[in-house]
Structure formats: C-alpha cells, structure tokens
Amino acid sequence: GITDDGACRFIDTNYNGESFFVRHAYFTGADRPYEKLSKA
C-alpha cells in the first residue's frame, strides 16, 4: 500500500486523468479525528 501521515488522505486506485474517485479514505489527523468524523 501507500504510507503517509496527513490529516486525511484519499486514493483513487484507478485514476483516469479526468475524474478523481475516492476508492480509499483515511483519516489520521490529530486532535480527536474519530469524534470529529462522527460529528460530521
């Protein structure tokens, strides 16, 4: 896979150069990301 530590990261694993489709989503940000995502 891909390693990174941004606040959130989205991956289009089959990018066609025109449209970005979120096929993987990761939320690794600091400051209670679980609570913030649950609230959102």
Full PDB file with SEQRES, HELIX, SHEET, SSBOND, CRYST1, ORIGX, SCALE, CONECT and MASTER records, all heavy atoms in Angstrom:
SEQRES   1 A   40  GLY ILE THR ASP ASP GLY ALA CYS ARG PHE ILE ASP THR          
SEQRES   2 A   40  ASN TYR ASN GLY GLU SER PHE PHE VAL ARG HIS ALA TYR          
SEQRES   3 A   40  PHE THR GLY ALA ASP ARG PRO TYR GLU LYS LEU SER LYS          
SEQRES   4 A   40  ALA                                                          
HELIX    1 AA1 PRO A   33  LYS A   39  1                                   7    
SHEET    1 AA1 2 CYS A   8  ILE A  11  0                                        
SHEET    2 AA1 2 HIS A  24  PHE A  27 -1                                        
CRYST1    1.000    1.000    1.000  90.00  90.00  90.00 P 1           1          
ORIGX1      1.000000  0.000000  0.000000        0.00000                         
ORIGX2      0.000000  1.000000  0.000000        0.00000                         
ORIGX3      0.000000  0.000000  1.000000        0.00000                         
SCALE1      1.000000  0.000000  0.000000        0.00000                         
SCALE2      0.000000  1.000000  0.000000        0.00000                         
SCALE3      0.000000  0.000000  1.000000        0.00000                         
ATOM      1  N   GLY A   1       0.810  -1.210   0.000  1.00  0.00           N  
ATOM      2  CA  GLY A   1       0.000   0.000   0.000  1.00  0.00           C  
ATOM      3  C   GLY A   1       0.840   1.254   0.000  1.00  0.00           C  
ATOM      4  O   GLY A   1       2.003   1.235  -0.365  1.00  0.00           O  
ATOM      5  N   ILE A   2       0.237   2.373   0.404  1.00  0.00           N  
ATOM      6  CA  ILE A   2       0.885   3.683   0.417  1.00  0.00           C  
ATOM      7  C   ILE A   2       0.966   4.152   1.862  1.00  0.00           C  
ATOM      8  O   ILE A   2       0.020   4.023   2.620  1.00  0.00           O  
ATOM      9  CB  ILE A   2       0.074   4.701  -0.399  1.00  0.00           C  
ATOM     10  CG1 ILE A   2       0.006   4.247  -1.849  1.00  0.00           C  
ATOM     11  CG2 ILE A   2       0.671   6.087  -0.296  1.00  0.00           C  
ATOM     12  CD1 ILE A   2      -0.920   5.081  -2.670  1.00  0.00           C  
ATOM     13  N   THR A   3       2.099   4.724   2.238  1.00  0.00           N  
ATOM     14  CA  THR A   3       2.285   5.212   3.602  1.00  0.00           C  
ATOM     15  C   THR A   3       2.361   6.732   3.603  1.00  0.00           C  
ATOM     16  O   THR A   3       3.064   7.314   2.788  1.00  0.00           O  
ATOM     17  CB  THR A   3       3.590   4.636   4.202  1.00  0.00           C  
ATOM     18  OG1 THR A   3       3.514   3.223   4.146  1.00  0.00           O  
ATOM     19  CG2 THR A   3       3.763   5.077   5.627  1.00  0.00           C  
ATOM     20  N   ASP A   4       1.629   7.367   4.524  1.00  0.00           N  
ATOM     21  CA  ASP A   4       1.660   8.822   4.689  1.00  0.00           C  
ATOM     22  C   ASP A   4       0.994   9.155   6.011  1.00  0.00           C  
ATOM     23  O   ASP A   4       0.278   8.341   6.575  1.00  0.00           O  
ATOM     24  CB  ASP A   4       0.916   9.500   3.551  1.00  0.00           C  
ATOM     25  CG  ASP A   4       0.833  10.978   3.765  1.00  0.00           C  
ATOM     26  OD1 ASP A   4       1.869  11.640   3.713  1.00  0.00           O  
ATOM     27  OD2 ASP A   4      -0.271  11.475   4.034  1.00  0.00           O  
ATOM     28  N   ASP A   5       1.196  10.383   6.501  1.00  0.00           N  
ATOM     29  CA  ASP A   5       0.595  10.754   7.780  1.00  0.00           C  
ATOM     30  C   ASP A   5      -0.137  12.091   7.735  1.00  0.00           C  
ATOM     31  O   ASP A   5      -0.138  12.833   8.697  1.00  0.00           O  
ATOM     32  CB  ASP A   5       1.655  10.756   8.878  1.00  0.00           C  
ATOM     33  CG  ASP A   5       2.721  11.810   8.646  1.00  0.00           C  
ATOM     34  OD1 ASP A   5       2.741  12.409   7.564  1.00  0.00           O  
ATOM     35  OD2 ASP A   5       3.526  12.044   9.564  1.00  0.00           O  
ATOM     36  N   GLY A   6      -0.788  12.428   6.640  1.00  0.00           N  
ATOM     37  CA  GLY A   6      -1.548  13.673   6.551  1.00  0.00           C  
ATOM     38  C   GLY A   6      -2.809  13.612   7.393  1.00  0.00           C  
ATOM     39  O   GLY A   6      -3.172  12.576   7.944  1.00  0.00           O  
ATOM     40  N   ALA A   7      -3.513  14.720   7.525  1.00  0.00           N  
ATOM     41  CA  ALA A   7      -4.746  14.768   8.312  1.00  0.00           C  
ATOM     42  C   ALA A   7      -5.794  13.824   7.735  1.00  0.00           C  
ATOM     43  O   ALA A   7      -6.455  13.090   8.452  1.00  0.00           O  
ATOM     44  CB  ALA A   7      -5.284  16.186   8.361  1.00  0.00           C  
ATOM     45  N   CYS A   8      -5.936  13.852   6.420  1.00  0.00           N  
ATOM     46  CA  CYS A   8      -6.769  12.864   5.749  1.00  0.00           C  
ATOM     47  C   CYS A   8      -6.189  12.629   4.358  1.00  0.00           C  
ATOM     48  O   CYS A   8      -5.515  13.483   3.793  1.00  0.00           O  
ATOM     49  CB  CYS A   8      -8.232  13.264   5.704  1.00  0.00           C  
ATOM     50  SG  CYS A   8      -8.601  14.725   4.758  1.00  0.00           S  
ATOM     51  N   ARG A   9      -6.427  11.444   3.874  1.00  0.00           N  
ATOM     52  CA  ARG A   9      -5.825  11.023   2.605  1.00  0.00           C  
ATOM     53  C   ARG A   9      -6.852  10.212   1.839  1.00  0.00           C  
ATOM     54  O   ARG A   9      -7.521   9.348   2.391  1.00  0.00           O  
ATOM     55  CB  ARG A   9      -4.598  10.174   2.919  1.00  0.00           C  
ATOM     56  CG  ARG A   9      -3.905   9.590   1.767  1.00  0.00           C  
ATOM     57  CD  ARG A   9      -2.607   8.922   2.193  1.00  0.00           C  
ATOM     58  NE  ARG A   9      -2.672   8.339   3.510  1.00  0.00           N  
ATOM     59  CZ  ARG A   9      -2.727   7.024   3.750  1.00  0.00           C  
ATOM     60  NH1 ARG A   9      -2.706   6.183   2.761  1.00  0.00           N  
ATOM     61  NH2 ARG A   9      -2.796   6.572   4.981  1.00  0.00           N  
ATOM     62  N   PHE A  10      -6.975  10.529   0.557  1.00  0.00           N  
ATOM     63  CA  PHE A  10      -7.894   9.818  -0.326  1.00  0.00           C  
ATOM     64  C   PHE A  10      -7.097   9.262  -1.492  1.00  0.00           C  
ATOM     65  O   PHE A  10      -6.212   9.933  -2.012  1.00  0.00           O  
ATOM     66  CB  PHE A  10      -8.985  10.763  -0.830  1.00  0.00           C  
ATOM     67  CG  PHE A  10      -9.728  11.450   0.281  1.00  0.00           C  
ATOM     68  CD1 PHE A  10      -9.534  12.793   0.534  1.00  0.00           C  
ATOM     69  CD2 PHE A  10     -10.595  10.740   1.088  1.00  0.00           C  
ATOM     70  CE1 PHE A  10     -10.194  13.425   1.564  1.00  0.00           C  
ATOM     71  CE2 PHE A  10     -11.264  11.370   2.127  1.00  0.00           C  
ATOM     72  CZ  PHE A  10     -11.074  12.713   2.361  1.00  0.00           C  
ATOM     73  N   ILE A  11      -7.446   8.063  -1.915  1.00  0.00           N  
ATOM     74  CA  ILE A  11      -6.708   7.416  -3.003  1.00  0.00           C  
ATOM     75  C   ILE A  11      -7.685   6.958  -4.067  1.00  0.00           C  
ATOM     76  O   ILE A  11      -8.688   6.314  -3.765  1.00  0.00           O  
ATOM     77  CB  ILE A  11      -5.908   6.202  -2.495  1.00  0.00           C  
ATOM     78  CG1 ILE A  11      -4.964   6.615  -1.367  1.00  0.00           C  
ATOM     79  CG2 ILE A  11      -5.127   5.562  -3.637  1.00  0.00           C  
ATOM     80  CD1 ILE A  11      -4.282   5.440  -0.689  1.00  0.00           C  
ATOM     81  N   ASP A  12      -7.385   7.315  -5.298  1.00  0.00           N  
ATOM     82  CA  ASP A  12      -8.084   6.762  -6.454  1.00  0.00           C  
ATOM     83  C   ASP A  12      -7.139   5.722  -7.031  1.00  0.00           C  
ATOM     84  O   ASP A  12      -6.118   6.062  -7.620  1.00  0.00           O  
ATOM     85  CB  ASP A  12      -8.399   7.841  -7.481  1.00  0.00           C  
ATOM     86  CG  ASP A  12      -9.210   7.318  -8.660  1.00  0.00           C  
ATOM     87  OD1 ASP A  12      -9.266   6.080  -8.855  1.00  0.00           O  
ATOM     88  OD2 ASP A  12      -9.771   8.140  -9.398  1.00  0.00           O  
ATOM     89  N   THR A  13      -7.448   4.455  -6.830  1.00  0.00           N  
ATOM     90  CA  THR A  13      -6.545   3.367  -7.230  1.00  0.00           C  
ATOM     91  C   THR A  13      -6.652   3.013  -8.704  1.00  0.00           C  
ATOM     92  O   THR A  13      -5.984   2.087  -9.166  1.00  0.00           O  
ATOM     93  CB  THR A  13      -6.821   2.103  -6.393  1.00  0.00           C  
ATOM     94  OG1 THR A  13      -8.196   1.723  -6.570  1.00  0.00           O  
ATOM     95  CG2 THR A  13      -6.542   2.353  -4.926  1.00  0.00           C  
ATOM     96  N   ASN A  14      -7.462   3.752  -9.451  1.00  0.00           N  
ATOM     97  CA  ASN A  14      -7.588   3.513 -10.892  1.00  0.00           C  
ATOM     98  C   ASN A  14      -7.838   4.858 -11.584  1.00  0.00           C  
ATOM     99  O   ASN A  14      -8.805   5.031 -12.308  1.00  0.00           O  
ATOM    100  CB  ASN A  14      -8.726   2.529 -11.167  1.00  0.00           C  
ATOM    101  CG  ASN A  14      -8.621   1.883 -12.521  1.00  0.00           C  
ATOM    102  OD1 ASN A  14      -7.541   1.751 -13.076  1.00  0.00           O  
ATOM    103  ND2 ASN A  14      -9.750   1.478 -13.064  1.00  0.00           N  
ATOM    104  N   TYR A  15      -6.935   5.817 -11.365  1.00  0.00           N  
ATOM    105  CA  TYR A  15      -7.107   7.198 -11.828  1.00  0.00           C  
ATOM    106  C   TYR A  15      -7.053   7.280 -13.345  1.00  0.00           C  
ATOM    107  O   TYR A  15      -6.112   6.793 -13.981  1.00  0.00           O  
ATOM    108  CB  TYR A  15      -6.022   8.069 -11.209  1.00  0.00           C  
ATOM    109  CG  TYR A  15      -6.154   9.533 -11.522  1.00  0.00           C  
ATOM    110  CD1 TYR A  15      -7.252  10.255 -11.098  1.00  0.00           C  
ATOM    111  CD2 TYR A  15      -5.164  10.190 -12.224  1.00  0.00           C  
ATOM    112  CE1 TYR A  15      -7.373  11.605 -11.371  1.00  0.00           C  
ATOM    113  CE2 TYR A  15      -5.269  11.543 -12.508  1.00  0.00           C  
ATOM    114  CZ  TYR A  15      -6.376  12.235 -12.084  1.00  0.00           C  
ATOM    115  OH  TYR A  15      -6.486  13.570 -12.357  1.00  0.00           O  
ATOM    116  N   ASN A  16      -8.065   7.911 -13.940  1.00  0.00           N  
ATOM    117  CA  ASN A  16      -8.141   8.011 -15.403  1.00  0.00           C  
ATOM    118  C   ASN A  16      -7.633   9.333 -15.960  1.00  0.00           C  
ATOM    119  O   ASN A  16      -7.677   9.560 -17.160  1.00  0.00           O  
ATOM    120  CB  ASN A  16      -9.573   7.768 -15.882  1.00  0.00           C  
ATOM    121  CG  ASN A  16     -10.542   8.843 -15.430  1.00  0.00           C  
ATOM    122  OD1 ASN A  16     -10.157   9.874 -14.889  1.00  0.00           O  
ATOM    123  ND2 ASN A  16     -11.822   8.596 -15.640  1.00  0.00           N  
ATOM    124  N   GLY A  17      -7.161  10.236 -15.091  1.00  0.00           N  
ATOM    125  CA  GLY A  17      -6.626  11.509 -15.553  1.00  0.00           C  
ATOM    126  C   GLY A  17      -7.669  12.594 -15.697  1.00  0.00           C  
ATOM    127  O   GLY A  17      -7.330  13.748 -15.940  1.00  0.00           O  
ATOM    128  N   GLU A  18      -8.939  12.263 -15.570  1.00  0.00           N  
ATOM    129  CA  GLU A  18     -10.000  13.250 -15.710  1.00  0.00           C  
ATOM    130  C   GLU A  18     -10.801  13.442 -14.432  1.00  0.00           C  
ATOM    131  O   GLU A  18     -11.093  14.563 -14.041  1.00  0.00           O  
ATOM    132  CB  GLU A  18     -10.949  12.841 -16.839  1.00  0.00           C  
ATOM    133  CG  GLU A  18     -10.282  12.832 -18.199  1.00  0.00           C  
ATOM    134  CD  GLU A  18     -11.239  12.391 -19.296  1.00  0.00           C  
ATOM    135  OE1 GLU A  18     -12.453  12.276 -19.036  1.00  0.00           O  
ATOM    136  OE2 GLU A  18     -10.767  12.154 -20.411  1.00  0.00           O  
ATOM    137  N   SER A  19     -11.183  12.359 -13.808  1.00  0.00           N  
ATOM    138  CA  SER A  19     -12.024  12.420 -12.611  1.00  0.00           C  
ATOM    139  C   SER A  19     -11.357  11.675 -11.469  1.00  0.00           C  
ATOM    140  O   SER A  19     -10.814  10.598 -11.668  1.00  0.00           O  
ATOM    141  CB  SER A  19     -13.387  11.776 -12.879  1.00  0.00           C  
ATOM    142  OG  SER A  19     -14.045  12.442 -13.923  1.00  0.00           O  
ATOM    143  N   PHE A  20     -11.432  12.255 -10.286  1.00  0.00           N  
ATOM    144  CA  PHE A  20     -10.878  11.612  -9.096  1.00  0.00           C  
ATOM    145  C   PHE A  20     -12.021  10.945  -8.350  1.00  0.00           C  
ATOM    146  O   PHE A  20     -12.980  11.599  -7.953  1.00  0.00           O  
ATOM    147  CB  PHE A  20     -10.204  12.658  -8.203  1.00  0.00           C  
ATOM    148  CG  PHE A  20      -9.561  12.080  -6.980  1.00  0.00           C  
ATOM    149  CD1 PHE A  20      -8.229  11.699  -7.010  1.00  0.00           C  
ATOM    150  CD2 PHE A  20     -10.271  11.917  -5.806  1.00  0.00           C  
ATOM    151  CE1 PHE A  20      -7.625  11.160  -5.880  1.00  0.00           C  
ATOM    152  CE2 PHE A  20      -9.682  11.393  -4.676  1.00  0.00           C  
ATOM    153  CZ  PHE A  20      -8.355  10.999  -4.718  1.00  0.00           C  
ATOM    154  N   PHE A  21     -11.933   9.626  -8.172  1.00  0.00           N  
ATOM    155  CA  PHE A  21     -12.925   8.866  -7.422  1.00  0.00           C  
ATOM    156  C   PHE A  21     -12.271   8.365  -6.143  1.00  0.00           C  
ATOM    157  O   PHE A  21     -11.234   7.711  -6.191  1.00  0.00           O  
ATOM    158  CB  PHE A  21     -13.439   7.667  -8.232  1.00  0.00           C  
ATOM    159  CG  PHE A  21     -14.229   8.072  -9.434  1.00  0.00           C  
ATOM    160  CD1 PHE A  21     -13.635   8.109 -10.688  1.00  0.00           C  
ATOM    161  CD2 PHE A  21     -15.570   8.421  -9.323  1.00  0.00           C  
ATOM    162  CE1 PHE A  21     -14.357   8.485 -11.805  1.00  0.00           C  
ATOM    163  CE2 PHE A  21     -16.293   8.804 -10.431  1.00  0.00           C  
ATOM    164  CZ  PHE A  21     -15.684   8.836 -11.673  1.00  0.00           C  
ATOM    165  N   VAL A  22     -12.885   8.658  -5.013  1.00  0.00           N  
ATOM    166  CA  VAL A  22     -12.348   8.189  -3.734  1.00  0.00           C  
ATOM    167  C   VAL A  22     -12.655   6.701  -3.614  1.00  0.00           C  
ATOM    168  O   VAL A  22     -13.799   6.310  -3.487  1.00  0.00           O  
ATOM    169  CB  VAL A  22     -12.957   8.961  -2.544  1.00  0.00           C  
ATOM    170  CG1 VAL A  22     -12.454   8.399  -1.226  1.00  0.00           C  
ATOM    171  CG2 VAL A  22     -12.648  10.442  -2.660  1.00  0.00           C  
ATOM    172  N   ARG A  23     -11.597   5.894  -3.699  1.00  0.00           N  
ATOM    173  CA  ARG A  23     -11.749   4.447  -3.559  1.00  0.00           C  
ATOM    174  C   ARG A  23     -11.211   3.974  -2.215  1.00  0.00           C  
ATOM    175  O   ARG A  23     -11.594   2.922  -1.735  1.00  0.00           O  
ATOM    176  CB  ARG A  23     -11.049   3.746  -4.712  1.00  0.00           C  
ATOM    177  CG  ARG A  23     -11.651   4.151  -6.059  1.00  0.00           C  
ATOM    178  CD  ARG A  23     -10.865   3.604  -7.227  1.00  0.00           C  
ATOM    179  NE  ARG A  23     -11.108   4.319  -8.443  1.00  0.00           N  
ATOM    180  CZ  ARG A  23     -12.042   4.018  -9.335  1.00  0.00           C  
ATOM    181  NH1 ARG A  23     -12.870   3.030  -9.110  1.00  0.00           N  
ATOM    182  NH2 ARG A  23     -12.159   4.718 -10.431  1.00  0.00           N  
ATOM    183  N   HIS A  24     -10.315   4.768  -1.627  1.00  0.00           N  
ATOM    184  CA  HIS A  24      -9.803   4.548  -0.277  1.00  0.00           C  
ATOM    185  C   HIS A  24      -9.834   5.888   0.437  1.00  0.00           C  
ATOM    186  O   HIS A  24      -9.490   6.910  -0.156  1.00  0.00           O  
ATOM    187  CB  HIS A  24      -8.346   4.074  -0.299  1.00  0.00           C  
ATOM    188  CG  HIS A  24      -8.143   2.679  -0.764  1.00  0.00           C  
ATOM    189  ND1 HIS A  24      -7.405   1.782  -0.052  1.00  0.00           N  
ATOM    190  CD2 HIS A  24      -8.562   2.021  -1.866  1.00  0.00           C  
ATOM    191  CE1 HIS A  24      -7.365   0.628  -0.698  1.00  0.00           C  
ATOM    192  NE2 HIS A  24      -8.064   0.760  -1.799  1.00  0.00           N  
ATOM    193  N   ALA A  25     -10.214   5.880   1.712  1.00  0.00           N  
ATOM    194  CA  ALA A  25     -10.213   7.107   2.517  1.00  0.00           C  
ATOM    195  C   ALA A  25      -9.604   6.788   3.873  1.00  0.00           C  
ATOM    196  O   ALA A  25      -9.913   5.756   4.470  1.00  0.00           O  
ATOM    197  CB  ALA A  25     -11.632   7.632   2.696  1.00  0.00           C  
ATOM    198  N   TYR A  26      -8.724   7.694   4.339  1.00  0.00           N  
ATOM    199  CA  TYR A  26      -8.057   7.517   5.629  1.00  0.00           C  
ATOM    200  C   TYR A  26      -8.062   8.850   6.362  1.00  0.00           C  
ATOM    201  O   TYR A  26      -7.765   9.877   5.777  1.00  0.00           O  
ATOM    202  CB  TYR A  26      -6.617   7.029   5.428  1.00  0.00           C  
ATOM    203  CG  TYR A  26      -6.572   5.754   4.618  1.00  0.00           C  
ATOM    204  CD1 TYR A  26      -6.305   5.791   3.263  1.00  0.00           C  
ATOM    205  CD2 TYR A  26      -6.834   4.528   5.216  1.00  0.00           C  
ATOM    206  CE1 TYR A  26      -6.296   4.639   2.513  1.00  0.00           C  
ATOM    207  CE2 TYR A  26      -6.825   3.365   4.470  1.00  0.00           C  
ATOM    208  CZ  TYR A  26      -6.558   3.421   3.122  1.00  0.00           C  
ATOM    209  OH  TYR A  26      -6.560   2.270   2.374  1.00  0.00           O  
ATOM    210  N   PHE A  27      -8.383   8.788   7.646  1.00  0.00           N  
ATOM    211  CA  PHE A  27      -8.452   9.981   8.480  1.00  0.00           C  
ATOM    212  C   PHE A  27      -7.490   9.788   9.647  1.00  0.00           C  
ATOM    213  O   PHE A  27      -7.819   9.117  10.617  1.00  0.00           O  
ATOM    214  CB  PHE A  27      -9.881  10.198   8.986  1.00  0.00           C  
ATOM    215  CG  PHE A  27     -10.874  10.347   7.872  1.00  0.00           C  
ATOM    216  CD1 PHE A  27     -11.513   9.249   7.339  1.00  0.00           C  
ATOM    217  CD2 PHE A  27     -11.128  11.595   7.339  1.00  0.00           C  
ATOM    218  CE1 PHE A  27     -12.422   9.386   6.291  1.00  0.00           C  
ATOM    219  CE2 PHE A  27     -12.028  11.749   6.291  1.00  0.00           C  
ATOM    220  CZ  PHE A  27     -12.674  10.638   5.770  1.00  0.00           C  
ATOM    221  N   THR A  28      -6.307  10.361   9.533  1.00  0.00           N  
ATOM    222  CA  THR A  28      -5.263  10.121  10.536  1.00  0.00           C  
ATOM    223  C   THR A  28      -4.869  11.379  11.287  1.00  0.00           C  
ATOM    224  O   THR A  28      -3.852  11.406  11.945  1.00  0.00           O  
ATOM    225  CB  THR A  28      -4.012   9.536   9.861  1.00  0.00           C  
ATOM    226  OG1 THR A  28      -3.598  10.433   8.826  1.00  0.00           O  
ATOM    227  CG2 THR A  28      -4.300   8.181   9.271  1.00  0.00           C  
ATOM    228  N   GLY A  29      -5.667  12.396  11.180  1.00  0.00           N  
ATOM    229  CA  GLY A  29      -5.308  13.664  11.801  1.00  0.00           C  
ATOM    230  C   GLY A  29      -5.311  13.619  13.312  1.00  0.00           C  
ATOM    231  O   GLY A  29      -5.928  12.758  13.932  1.00  0.00           O  
ATOM    232  N   ALA A  30      -4.622  14.552  13.890  1.00  0.00           N  
ATOM    233  CA  ALA A  30      -4.561  14.668  15.347  1.00  0.00           C  
ATOM    234  C   ALA A  30      -5.823  15.340  15.869  1.00  0.00           C  
ATOM    235  O   ALA A  30      -6.698  15.729  15.101  1.00  0.00           O  
ATOM    236  CB  ALA A  30      -3.330  15.486  15.735  1.00  0.00           C  
ATOM    237  N   ASP A  31      -5.906  15.473  17.177  1.00  0.00           N  
ATOM    238  CA  ASP A  31      -6.981  16.223  17.816  1.00  0.00           C  
ATOM    239  C   ASP A  31      -8.352  15.574  17.614  1.00  0.00           C  
ATOM    240  O   ASP A  31      -9.250  16.157  17.037  1.00  0.00           O  
ATOM    241  CB  ASP A  31      -6.977  17.678  17.330  1.00  0.00           C  
ATOM    242  CG  ASP A  31      -7.807  18.584  18.218  1.00  0.00           C  
ATOM    243  OD1 ASP A  31      -7.999  18.251  19.399  1.00  0.00           O  
ATOM    244  OD2 ASP A  31      -8.277  19.611  17.701  1.00  0.00           O  
ATOM    245  N   ARG A  32      -8.511  14.335  18.050  1.00  0.00           N  
ATOM    246  CA  ARG A  32      -9.778  13.611  18.088  1.00  0.00           C  
ATOM    247  C   ARG A  32     -10.440  13.425  16.718  1.00  0.00           C  
ATOM    248  O   ARG A  32     -11.596  13.827  16.522  1.00  0.00           O  
ATOM    249  CB  ARG A  32     -10.740  14.304  19.049  1.00  0.00           C  
ATOM    250  CG  ARG A  32     -10.224  14.469  20.445  1.00  0.00           C  
ATOM    251  CD  ARG A  32     -11.171  15.189  21.393  1.00  0.00           C  
ATOM    252  NE  ARG A  32     -12.236  15.957  20.784  1.00  0.00           N  
ATOM    253  CZ  ARG A  32     -12.182  17.264  20.559  1.00  0.00           C  
ATOM    254  NH1 ARG A  32     -11.107  17.944  20.862  1.00  0.00           N  
ATOM    255  NH2 ARG A  32     -13.204  17.892  20.042  1.00  0.00           N  
ATOM    256  N   PRO A  33      -9.784  12.815  15.755  1.00  0.00           N  
ATOM    257  CA  PRO A  33     -10.407  12.658  14.441  1.00  0.00           C  
ATOM    258  C   PRO A  33     -11.669  11.794  14.468  1.00  0.00           C  
ATOM    259  O   PRO A  33     -12.601  12.039  13.716  1.00  0.00           O  
ATOM    260  CB  PRO A  33      -9.311  12.023  13.594  1.00  0.00           C  
ATOM    261  CG  PRO A  33      -8.398  11.375  14.557  1.00  0.00           C  
ATOM    262  CD  PRO A  33      -8.451  12.216  15.792  1.00  0.00           C  
ATOM    263  N   TYR A  34     -11.725  10.790  15.365  1.00  0.00           N  
ATOM    264  CA  TYR A  34     -12.913   9.935  15.446  1.00  0.00           C  
ATOM    265  C   TYR A  34     -14.142  10.761  15.812  1.00  0.00           C  
ATOM    266  O   TYR A  34     -15.181  10.676  15.173  1.00  0.00           O  
ATOM    267  CB  TYR A  34     -12.696   8.817  16.473  1.00  0.00           C  
ATOM    268  CG  TYR A  34     -13.911   7.950  16.691  1.00  0.00           C  
ATOM    269  CD1 TYR A  34     -14.168   6.886  15.838  1.00  0.00           C  
ATOM    270  CD2 TYR A  34     -14.806   8.209  17.720  1.00  0.00           C  
ATOM    271  CE1 TYR A  34     -15.289   6.084  16.016  1.00  0.00           C  
ATOM    272  CE2 TYR A  34     -15.931   7.412  17.907  1.00  0.00           C  
ATOM    273  CZ  TYR A  34     -16.158   6.356  17.054  1.00  0.00           C  
ATOM    274  OH  TYR A  34     -17.275   5.581  17.230  1.00  0.00           O  
ATOM    275  N   GLU A  35     -14.002  11.580  16.844  1.00  0.00           N  
ATOM    276  CA  GLU A  35     -15.124  12.396  17.289  1.00  0.00           C  
ATOM    277  C   GLU A  35     -15.545  13.402  16.214  1.00  0.00           C  
ATOM    278  O   GLU A  35     -16.727  13.631  15.990  1.00  0.00           O  
ATOM    279  CB  GLU A  35     -14.780  13.139  18.588  1.00  0.00           C  
ATOM    280  CG  GLU A  35     -14.700  12.241  19.795  1.00  0.00           C  
ATOM    281  CD  GLU A  35     -13.322  11.581  19.959  1.00  0.00           C  
ATOM    282  OE1 GLU A  35     -12.415  11.832  19.138  1.00  0.00           O  
ATOM    283  OE2 GLU A  35     -13.174  10.798  20.906  1.00  0.00           O  
ATOM    284  N   LYS A  36     -14.557  14.002  15.554  1.00  0.00           N  
ATOM    285  CA  LYS A  36     -14.873  14.987  14.514  1.00  0.00           C  
ATOM    286  C   LYS A  36     -15.582  14.341  13.327  1.00  0.00           C  
ATOM    287  O   LYS A  36     -16.537  14.900  12.785  1.00  0.00           O  
ATOM    288  CB  LYS A  36     -13.601  15.706  14.065  1.00  0.00           C  
ATOM    289  CG  LYS A  36     -13.085  16.663  15.108  1.00  0.00           C  
ATOM    290  CD  LYS A  36     -11.863  17.391  14.623  1.00  0.00           C  
ATOM    291  CE  LYS A  36     -11.388  18.367  15.679  1.00  0.00           C  
ATOM    292  NZ  LYS A  36     -10.242  19.138  15.237  1.00  0.00           N  
ATOM    293  N   LEU A  37     -15.108  13.150  12.917  1.00  0.00           N  
ATOM    294  CA  LEU A  37     -15.751  12.465  11.800  1.00  0.00           C  
ATOM    295  C   LEU A  37     -17.151  12.010  12.187  1.00  0.00           C  
ATOM    296  O   LEU A  37     -18.087  12.147  11.405  1.00  0.00           O  
ATOM    297  CB  LEU A  37     -14.902  11.280  11.335  1.00  0.00           C  
ATOM    298  CG  LEU A  37     -15.425  10.523  10.115  1.00  0.00           C  
ATOM    299  CD1 LEU A  37     -15.540  11.453   8.910  1.00  0.00           C  
ATOM    300  CD2 LEU A  37     -14.527   9.347   9.786  1.00  0.00           C  
ATOM    301  N   SER A  38     -17.320  11.490  13.397  1.00  0.00           N  
ATOM    302  CA  SER A  38     -18.644  11.086  13.875  1.00  0.00           C  
ATOM    303  C   SER A  38     -19.609  12.265  13.868  1.00  0.00           C  
ATOM    304  O   SER A  38     -20.760  12.148  13.460  1.00  0.00           O  
ATOM    305  CB  SER A  38     -18.562  10.515  15.296  1.00  0.00           C  
ATOM    306  OG  SER A  38     -17.881   9.308  15.305  1.00  0.00           O  
ATOM    307  N   LYS A  39     -19.110  13.418  14.317  1.00  0.00           N  
ATOM    308  CA  LYS A  39     -19.952  14.618  14.347  1.00  0.00           C  
ATOM    309  C   LYS A  39     -20.307  15.064  12.932  1.00  0.00           C  
ATOM    310  O   LYS A  39     -21.453  15.426  12.655  1.00  0.00           O  
ATOM    311  CB  LYS A  39     -19.228  15.738  15.094  1.00  0.00           C  
ATOM    312  CG  LYS A  39     -20.056  16.981  15.282  1.00  0.00           C  
ATOM    313  CD  LYS A  39     -19.307  18.022  16.082  1.00  0.00           C  
ATOM    314  CE  LYS A  39     -20.122  19.283  16.231  1.00  0.00           C  
ATOM    315  NZ  LYS A  39     -19.406  20.299  17.016  1.00  0.00           N  
ATOM    316  N   ALA A  40     -19.320  15.044  12.028  1.00  0.00           N  
ATOM    317  CA  ALA A  40     -19.576  15.472  10.644  1.00  0.00           C  
ATOM    318  C   ALA A  40     -20.586  14.545   9.965  1.00  0.00           C  
ATOM    319  O   ALA A  40     -21.451  14.999   9.210  1.00  0.00           O  
ATOM    320  CB  ALA A  40     -18.271  15.493   9.850  1.00  0.00           C  
TER     321      ALA A  40                                                      
MASTER        0    0    0    1    2    0    0    6  320    1    0    4          
END                                                                             
